[in-house]
Every structure is written in C-alpha cells, then in structure tokens.
Amino acid sequence: MLKLFITLPIFWALYAQFNSRFVFQATKMNGDIGFYVIKPDQMGMSTSVLIIIFVPIVDYIIYPFLSKLGLKTPLQKMVIGYIMAALGFGVAGIIEWKIQDNFISILWLLPQLFLLAVAEVFVWVSNISFAYTQAPESMRSVMSSISYMAIAGGSLIIITVSGSNFLKSQLLEFLFYSILMILNTICFIFMSKKYK
C-alpha cells in the first residue's frame, strides 16, 4: 500500500498552492467586479466553498455515474483527481500567459480553483477510503497518519522548487507542476494496476 502513497506528495504540492502561488497570480489581476472589489487572498476561500458544494454532488451524482462506467475503486477515483489537478495547473499556466498581455478579471481564477477543488474531493476522500478499507484493523490509524505525512511531503516539494529558483517565471512553474502531475499520474496508474 505504501508504494501507492509515494505519488501523494506531488498532488499535495499542487493543491497547497491555491493559498500561495494562486494568490500571487491574483495580485496581477483586476479584482473589481462592479459591486465589490475582490482582494487576491479572498480567492482562496472560493476553493473551500467549492469543496463544500461539490462533496454531495460527487457523492450522489458523479460517483454513481462513474460506477456505471466501471470506475468504482478508490484508486480509479484518485486517478481522476490527479488528472483534474494537472488540468488545473495547465489552466493556471494559460491564465498566467494571458495576464502577461492584459489586466484580466480575477474571476478568471475560478476554473483552476474549481479543478483543484474537484481534484481534492476525488483524491482525499478516495485516499482515506483506500487506506481504511485496505489496511488491517490494527494499522488503519497508521495509514491515515501516512496520508497526512504526504501533505507535509507536498510542502517540502514546494519549498524545494521555489527555493531553487530554477524556474524563472510563474508561467514556467505552473507548467512544470502540470507536467510533473501528468508524469506522477502515469506512474500511479502503473503502480495501481499491480496492486492486489
């Protein structure tokens, strides 16, 4: 089981950036929506709101639909979450590219925040479900704690990438994380197929 958890820190490295890099991105955008001016750090709250809205939708509509398509296991659902995270950072890269040309509305951040919220619902719930159902009863709390260690590992990845300064622009950083997540997803698919 632990082999499959190796891929989790990369996901959490992407997810954690809605409170850091996405806020930096929002500072370069127009927060005036007519009746209110959205501050850059307020956009991170939209992810929490989207998650609260999306959990029952996923549970009652999307999961049954995916079941009909044959996507039932927690590992399959985690793959969907990983893909959504990669797409979210791809969209972040496109938005960053657009920001270089124009002073665009801060609401353009919503698609990438939406994709990350969907990814979090798929990955976190499925990961905890997988850890709880597959681990022996005496090891369930240990497996849950390893899930939390993966979040810490994601923070270490962010520190390493940001501290190294090998990516000279935020656009390159978003694209780097998107490609890293795609490669991570491919590895996870191969590892999950071997899981018994």
C-alpha atoms as a PDB file:
ATOM      1  CA  MET A   1       0.000   0.000   0.000  1.00  0.00           C
ATOM      2  CA  LEU A   2       2.778   2.420   0.858  1.00  0.00           C
ATOM      3  CA  LYS A   3       4.142   2.312  -2.690  1.00  0.00           C
ATOM      4  CA  LEU A   4       0.931   3.901  -3.905  1.00  0.00           C
ATOM      5  CA  PHE A   5       1.260   6.672  -1.340  1.00  0.00           C
ATOM      6  CA  ILE A   6       4.585   7.767  -2.894  1.00  0.00           C
ATOM      7  CA  THR A   7       2.615   9.721  -5.505  1.00  0.00           C
ATOM      8  CA  LEU A   8       0.555  11.697  -2.986  1.00  0.00           C
ATOM      9  CA  PRO A   9       3.114  14.407  -2.061  1.00  0.00           C
ATOM     10  CA  ILE A  10       3.217  15.677  -5.647  1.00  0.00           C
ATOM     11  CA  PHE A  11      -0.568  16.073  -5.640  1.00  0.00           C
ATOM     12  CA  TRP A  12      -0.451  17.934  -2.322  1.00  0.00           C
ATOM     13  CA  ALA A  13       2.320  20.170  -3.662  1.00  0.00           C
ATOM     14  CA  LEU A  14      -0.074  21.316  -6.362  1.00  0.00           C
ATOM     15  CA  TYR A  15      -3.069  21.597  -4.094  1.00  0.00           C
ATOM     16  CA  ALA A  16      -1.298  23.665  -1.433  1.00  0.00           C
ATOM     17  CA  GLN A  17      -0.543  26.415  -3.901  1.00  0.00           C
ATOM     18  CA  PHE A  18      -4.051  27.809  -4.016  1.00  0.00           C
ATOM     19  CA  ASN A  19      -3.060  29.763  -0.886  1.00  0.00           C
ATOM     20  CA  SER A  20       0.328  30.859  -2.208  1.00  0.00           C
ATOM     21  CA  ARG A  21       1.081  30.963  -5.933  1.00  0.00           C
ATOM     22  CA  PHE A  22      -2.544  31.495  -6.914  1.00  0.00           C
ATOM     23  CA  VAL A  23      -2.706  34.468  -4.545  1.00  0.00           C
ATOM     24  CA  PHE A  24       0.426  35.903  -6.207  1.00  0.00           C
ATOM     25  CA  GLN A  25      -1.273  35.345  -9.535  1.00  0.00           C
ATOM     26  CA  ALA A  26      -4.388  37.155  -8.304  1.00  0.00           C
ATOM     27  CA  THR A  27      -2.341  40.223  -7.328  1.00  0.00           C
ATOM     28  CA  LYS A  28      -1.731  40.827 -11.034  1.00  0.00           C
ATOM     29  CA  MET A  29      -5.449  40.696 -11.856  1.00  0.00           C
ATOM     30  CA  ASN A  30      -8.381  43.096 -11.675  1.00  0.00           C
ATOM     31  CA  GLY A  31     -10.458  42.352  -8.566  1.00  0.00           C
ATOM     32  CA  ASP A  32     -13.197  44.880  -9.360  1.00  0.00           C
ATOM     33  CA  ILE A  33     -16.398  43.012 -10.244  1.00  0.00           C
ATOM     34  CA  GLY A  34     -18.613  46.099 -10.253  1.00  0.00           C
ATOM     35  CA  PHE A  35     -20.342  45.976  -6.889  1.00  0.00           C
ATOM     36  CA  TYR A  36     -17.341  44.650  -4.930  1.00  0.00           C
ATOM     37  CA  VAL A  37     -13.562  44.523  -5.150  1.00  0.00           C
ATOM     38  CA  ILE A  38     -12.222  41.015  -4.524  1.00  0.00           C
ATOM     39  CA  LYS A  39      -8.862  41.008  -2.792  1.00  0.00           C
ATOM     40  CA  PRO A  40      -6.303  38.437  -4.025  1.00  0.00           C
ATOM     41  CA  ASP A  41      -6.234  36.423  -0.786  1.00  0.00           C
ATOM     42  CA  GLN A  42     -10.031  36.117  -0.805  1.00  0.00           C
ATOM     43  CA  MET A  43      -9.948  33.913  -3.908  1.00  0.00           C
ATOM     44  CA  GLY A  44      -8.510  31.025  -1.869  1.00  0.00           C
ATOM     45  CA  MET A  45     -11.757  30.923   0.101  1.00  0.00           C
ATOM     46  CA  SER A  46     -13.609  30.005  -3.089  1.00  0.00           C
ATOM     47  CA  THR A  47     -11.868  26.610  -3.066  1.00  0.00           C
ATOM     48  CA  SER A  48     -13.311  25.801   0.362  1.00  0.00           C
ATOM     49  CA  VAL A  49     -16.775  26.897  -0.760  1.00  0.00           C
ATOM     50  CA  LEU A  50     -16.481  24.835  -3.949  1.00  0.00           C
ATOM     51  CA  ILE A  51     -15.439  21.754  -1.943  1.00  0.00           C
ATOM     52  CA  ILE A  52     -18.433  22.103   0.390  1.00  0.00           C
ATOM     53  CA  ILE A  53     -20.747  22.385  -2.620  1.00  0.00           C
ATOM     54  CA  PHE A  54     -19.017  19.656  -4.597  1.00  0.00           C
ATOM     55  CA  VAL A  55     -18.833  16.852  -1.979  1.00  0.00           C
ATOM     56  CA  PRO A  56     -22.581  15.997  -2.100  1.00  0.00           C
ATOM     57  CA  ILE A  57     -22.652  16.405  -5.892  1.00  0.00           C
ATOM     58  CA  VAL A  58     -19.786  13.942  -6.238  1.00  0.00           C
ATOM     59  CA  ASP A  59     -21.311  11.531  -3.736  1.00  0.00           C
ATOM     60  CA  TYR A  60     -24.854  11.465  -5.125  1.00  0.00           C
ATOM     61  CA  ILE A  61     -24.390  12.184  -8.831  1.00  0.00           C
ATOM     62  CA  ILE A  62     -20.825  11.755 -10.101  1.00  0.00           C
ATOM     63  CA  TYR A  63     -19.846   8.583  -8.219  1.00  0.00           C
ATOM     64  CA  PRO A  64     -22.983   6.683  -9.355  1.00  0.00           C
ATOM     65  CA  PHE A  65     -22.335   7.864 -12.911  1.00  0.00           C
ATOM     66  CA  LEU A  66     -18.700   6.747 -12.745  1.00  0.00           C
ATOM     67  CA  SER A  67     -19.842   3.400 -11.328  1.00  0.00           C
ATOM     68  CA  LYS A  68     -21.893   2.826 -14.469  1.00  0.00           C
ATOM     69  CA  LEU A  69     -18.731   3.477 -16.487  1.00  0.00           C
ATOM     70  CA  GLY A  70     -16.841   0.886 -14.422  1.00  0.00           C
ATOM     71  CA  LEU A  71     -14.838   3.384 -12.337  1.00  0.00           C
ATOM     72  CA  LYS A  72     -15.599   2.194  -8.828  1.00  0.00           C
ATOM     73  CA  THR A  73     -12.405   1.747  -6.841  1.00  0.00           C
ATOM     74  CA  PRO A  74     -10.729   4.443  -4.737  1.00  0.00           C
ATOM     75  CA  LEU A  75      -7.585   4.103  -6.854  1.00  0.00           C
ATOM     76  CA  GLN A  76      -9.520   4.840 -10.054  1.00  0.00           C
ATOM     77  CA  LYS A  77     -11.089   7.876  -8.400  1.00  0.00           C
ATOM     78  CA  MET A  78      -7.661   9.078  -7.296  1.00  0.00           C
ATOM     79  CA  VAL A  79      -6.516   8.938 -10.929  1.00  0.00           C
ATOM     80  CA  ILE A  80      -9.411  11.229 -11.844  1.00  0.00           C
ATOM     81  CA  GLY A  81      -8.365  13.619  -9.072  1.00  0.00           C
ATOM     82  CA  TYR A  82      -4.760  13.569 -10.251  1.00  0.00           C
ATOM     83  CA  ILE A  83      -5.854  14.390 -13.806  1.00  0.00           C
ATOM     84  CA  MET A  84      -8.003  17.271 -12.527  1.00  0.00           C
ATOM     85  CA  ALA A  85      -5.016  18.685 -10.618  1.00  0.00           C
ATOM     86  CA  ALA A  86      -2.822  18.520 -13.739  1.00  0.00           C
ATOM     87  CA  LEU A  87      -5.556  20.252 -15.742  1.00  0.00           C
ATOM     88  CA  GLY A  88      -5.925  22.887 -13.026  1.00  0.00           C
ATOM     89  CA  PHE A  89      -2.273  23.808 -13.296  1.00  0.00           C
ATOM     90  CA  GLY A  90      -2.462  23.750 -17.083  1.00  0.00           C
ATOM     91  CA  VAL A  91      -5.297  26.276 -16.854  1.00  0.00           C
ATOM     92  CA  ALA A  92      -3.254  28.298 -14.325  1.00  0.00           C
ATOM     93  CA  GLY A  93      -0.448  28.430 -16.900  1.00  0.00           C
ATOM     94  CA  ILE A  94      -2.829  29.663 -19.609  1.00  0.00           C
ATOM     95  CA  ILE A  95      -4.226  32.333 -17.279  1.00  0.00           C
ATOM     96  CA  GLU A  96      -0.698  33.409 -16.323  1.00  0.00           C
ATOM     97  CA  TRP A  97       0.155  33.731 -20.009  1.00  0.00           C
ATOM     98  CA  LYS A  98      -2.964  35.880 -20.547  1.00  0.00           C
ATOM     99  CA  ILE A  99      -2.053  38.086 -17.576  1.00  0.00           C
ATOM    100  CA  GLN A 100       1.197  38.994 -19.306  1.00  0.00           C
ATOM    101  CA  ASP A 101      -0.805  40.600 -22.132  1.00  0.00           C
ATOM    102  CA  ASN A 102      -3.799  42.077 -20.262  1.00  0.00           C
ATOM    103  CA  PHE A 103      -5.104  43.148 -16.873  1.00  0.00           C
ATOM    104  CA  ILE A 104      -7.837  40.495 -16.756  1.00  0.00           C
ATOM    105  CA  SER A 105     -10.569  39.875 -14.192  1.00  0.00           C
ATOM    106  CA  ILE A 106      -9.732  37.953 -11.041  1.00  0.00           C
ATOM    107  CA  LEU A 107     -12.734  35.730 -11.782  1.00  0.00           C
ATOM    108  CA  TRP A 108     -10.597  34.002 -14.403  1.00  0.00           C
ATOM    109  CA  LEU A 109      -9.018  32.161 -11.465  1.00  0.00           C
ATOM    110  CA  LEU A 110     -12.261  30.268 -10.832  1.00  0.00           C
ATOM    111  CA  PRO A 111     -11.675  27.489 -13.427  1.00  0.00           C
ATOM    112  CA  GLN A 112      -8.312  26.497 -11.938  1.00  0.00           C
ATOM    113  CA  LEU A 113      -9.684  26.744  -8.388  1.00  0.00           C
ATOM    114  CA  PHE A 114     -12.686  24.649  -9.425  1.00  0.00           C
ATOM    115  CA  LEU A 115     -10.463  21.961 -10.930  1.00  0.00           C
ATOM    116  CA  LEU A 116      -8.322  21.827  -7.779  1.00  0.00           C
ATOM    117  CA  ALA A 117     -11.429  21.604  -5.577  1.00  0.00           C
ATOM    118  CA  VAL A 118     -12.717  18.684  -7.663  1.00  0.00           C
ATOM    119  CA  ALA A 119      -9.279  17.068  -7.507  1.00  0.00           C
ATOM    120  CA  GLU A 120      -9.152  17.418  -3.730  1.00  0.00           C
ATOM    121  CA  VAL A 121     -12.559  15.783  -3.306  1.00  0.00           C
ATOM    122  CA  PHE A 122     -11.572  12.848  -5.501  1.00  0.00           C
ATOM    123  CA  VAL A 123      -8.090  12.351  -4.070  1.00  0.00           C
ATOM    124  CA  TRP A 124      -8.589  12.982  -0.349  1.00  0.00           C
ATOM    125  CA  VAL A 125     -11.834  11.048   0.108  1.00  0.00           C
ATOM    126  CA  SER A 126     -10.605   8.161  -2.055  1.00  0.00           C
ATOM    127  CA  ASN A 127      -7.218   8.082  -0.342  1.00  0.00           C
ATOM    128  CA  ILE A 128      -8.726   7.888   3.133  1.00  0.00           C
ATOM    129  CA  SER A 129     -11.244   5.285   1.953  1.00  0.00           C
ATOM    130  CA  PHE A 130      -8.458   3.213   0.400  1.00  0.00           C
ATOM    131  CA  ALA A 131      -6.267   3.479   3.500  1.00  0.00           C
ATOM    132  CA  TYR A 132      -9.128   2.492   5.799  1.00  0.00           C
ATOM    133  CA  THR A 133     -10.522  -0.405   3.751  1.00  0.00           C
ATOM    134  CA  GLN A 134      -7.222  -1.969   2.653  1.00  0.00           C
ATOM    135  CA  ALA A 135      -5.204  -1.724   5.847  1.00  0.00           C
ATOM    136  CA  PRO A 136      -5.535  -4.305   8.616  1.00  0.00           C
ATOM    137  CA  GLU A 137      -7.614  -3.026  11.504  1.00  0.00           C
ATOM    138  CA  SER A 138      -4.548  -2.555  13.715  1.00  0.00           C
ATOM    139  CA  MET A 139      -2.857  -0.379  11.042  1.00  0.00           C
ATOM    140  CA  ARG A 140      -5.734   1.908   9.996  1.00  0.00           C
ATOM    141  CA  SER A 141      -4.666   4.876  12.090  1.00  0.00           C
ATOM    142  CA  VAL A 142      -1.066   4.453  10.902  1.00  0.00           C
ATOM    143  CA  MET A 143      -2.191   4.541   7.267  1.00  0.00           C
ATOM    144  CA  SER A 144      -4.276   7.640   7.934  1.00  0.00           C
ATOM    145  CA  SER A 145      -1.256   9.330   9.515  1.00  0.00           C
ATOM    146  CA  ILE A 146       0.829   8.459   6.449  1.00  0.00           C
ATOM    147  CA  SER A 147      -1.778  10.271   4.361  1.00  0.00           C
ATOM    148  CA  TYR A 148      -1.114  13.365   6.456  1.00  0.00           C
ATOM    149  CA  MET A 149       2.641  12.875   6.078  1.00  0.00           C
ATOM    150  CA  ALA A 150       2.090  13.017   2.317  1.00  0.00           C
ATOM    151  CA  ILE A 151       0.664  16.522   2.766  1.00  0.00           C
ATOM    152  CA  ALA A 152       3.853  17.528   4.576  1.00  0.00           C
ATOM    153  CA  GLY A 153       5.850  15.967   1.746  1.00  0.00           C
ATOM    154  CA  GLY A 154       3.971  18.189  -0.692  1.00  0.00           C
ATOM    155  CA  SER A 155       5.045  21.243   1.276  1.00  0.00           C
ATOM    156  CA  LEU A 156       8.671  20.090   1.074  1.00  0.00           C
ATOM    157  CA  ILE A 157       8.359  19.813  -2.710  1.00  0.00           C
ATOM    158  CA  ILE A 158       7.061  23.385  -2.888  1.00  0.00           C
ATOM    159  CA  ILE A 159       9.928  24.643  -0.716  1.00  0.00           C
ATOM    160  CA  THR A 160      12.468  22.807  -2.865  1.00  0.00           C
ATOM    161  CA  VAL A 161      11.095  24.043  -6.196  1.00  0.00           C
ATOM    162  CA  SER A 162      10.515  27.621  -5.027  1.00  0.00           C
ATOM    163  CA  GLY A 163      13.834  27.830  -3.193  1.00  0.00           C
ATOM    164  CA  SER A 164      15.895  26.545  -6.095  1.00  0.00           C
ATOM    165  CA  ASN A 165      14.841  29.387  -8.436  1.00  0.00           C
ATOM    166  CA  PHE A 166      15.482  27.208 -11.478  1.00  0.00           C
ATOM    167  CA  LEU A 167      12.114  28.258 -12.910  1.00  0.00           C
ATOM    168  CA  LYS A 168      12.400  31.935 -13.727  1.00  0.00           C
ATOM    169  CA  SER A 169       8.706  32.753 -14.122  1.00  0.00           C
ATOM    170  CA  GLN A 170       5.418  31.760 -12.582  1.00  0.00           C
ATOM    171  CA  LEU A 171       4.214  30.591 -16.002  1.00  0.00           C
ATOM    172  CA  LEU A 172       7.085  28.091 -16.200  1.00  0.00           C
ATOM    173  CA  GLU A 173       6.401  26.994 -12.628  1.00  0.00           C
ATOM    174  CA  PHE A 174       2.723  26.287 -13.373  1.00  0.00           C
ATOM    175  CA  LEU A 175       3.646  24.329 -16.494  1.00  0.00           C
ATOM    176  CA  PHE A 176       6.347  22.441 -14.590  1.00  0.00           C
ATOM    177  CA  TYR A 177       3.850  21.363 -11.927  1.00  0.00           C
ATOM    178  CA  SER A 178       1.284  20.379 -14.552  1.00  0.00           C
ATOM    179  CA  ILE A 179       3.804  18.174 -16.385  1.00  0.00           C
ATOM    180  CA  LEU A 180       5.074  16.762 -13.077  1.00  0.00           C
ATOM    181  CA  MET A 181       1.497  15.838 -12.137  1.00  0.00           C
ATOM    182  CA  ILE A 182       0.913  14.159 -15.507  1.00  0.00           C
ATOM    183  CA  LEU A 183       4.058  12.047 -15.037  1.00  0.00           C
ATOM    184  CA  ASN A 184       3.011  11.324 -11.448  1.00  0.00           C
ATOM    185  CA  THR A 185      -0.421  10.180 -12.677  1.00  0.00           C
ATOM    186  CA  ILE A 186       1.124   7.824 -15.231  1.00  0.00           C
ATOM    187  CA  CYS A 187       3.323   6.286 -12.503  1.00  0.00           C
ATOM    188  CA  PHE A 188       0.314   5.946 -10.208  1.00  0.00           C
ATOM    189  CA  ILE A 189      -1.707   4.186 -12.920  1.00  0.00           C
ATOM    190  CA  PHE A 190       1.056   1.624 -13.469  1.00  0.00           C
ATOM    191  CA  MET A 191       1.524   1.062  -9.736  1.00  0.00           C
ATOM    192  CA  SER A 192      -2.208   0.773  -9.051  1.00  0.00           C
ATOM    193  CA  LYS A 193      -2.608  -1.853 -11.793  1.00  0.00           C
ATOM    194  CA  LYS A 194      -0.082  -4.029  -9.958  1.00  0.00           C
ATOM    195  CA  TYR A 195      -1.815  -3.574  -6.593  1.00  0.00           C
ATOM    196  CA  LYS A 196      -3.584  -6.675  -5.301  1.00  0.00           C
END
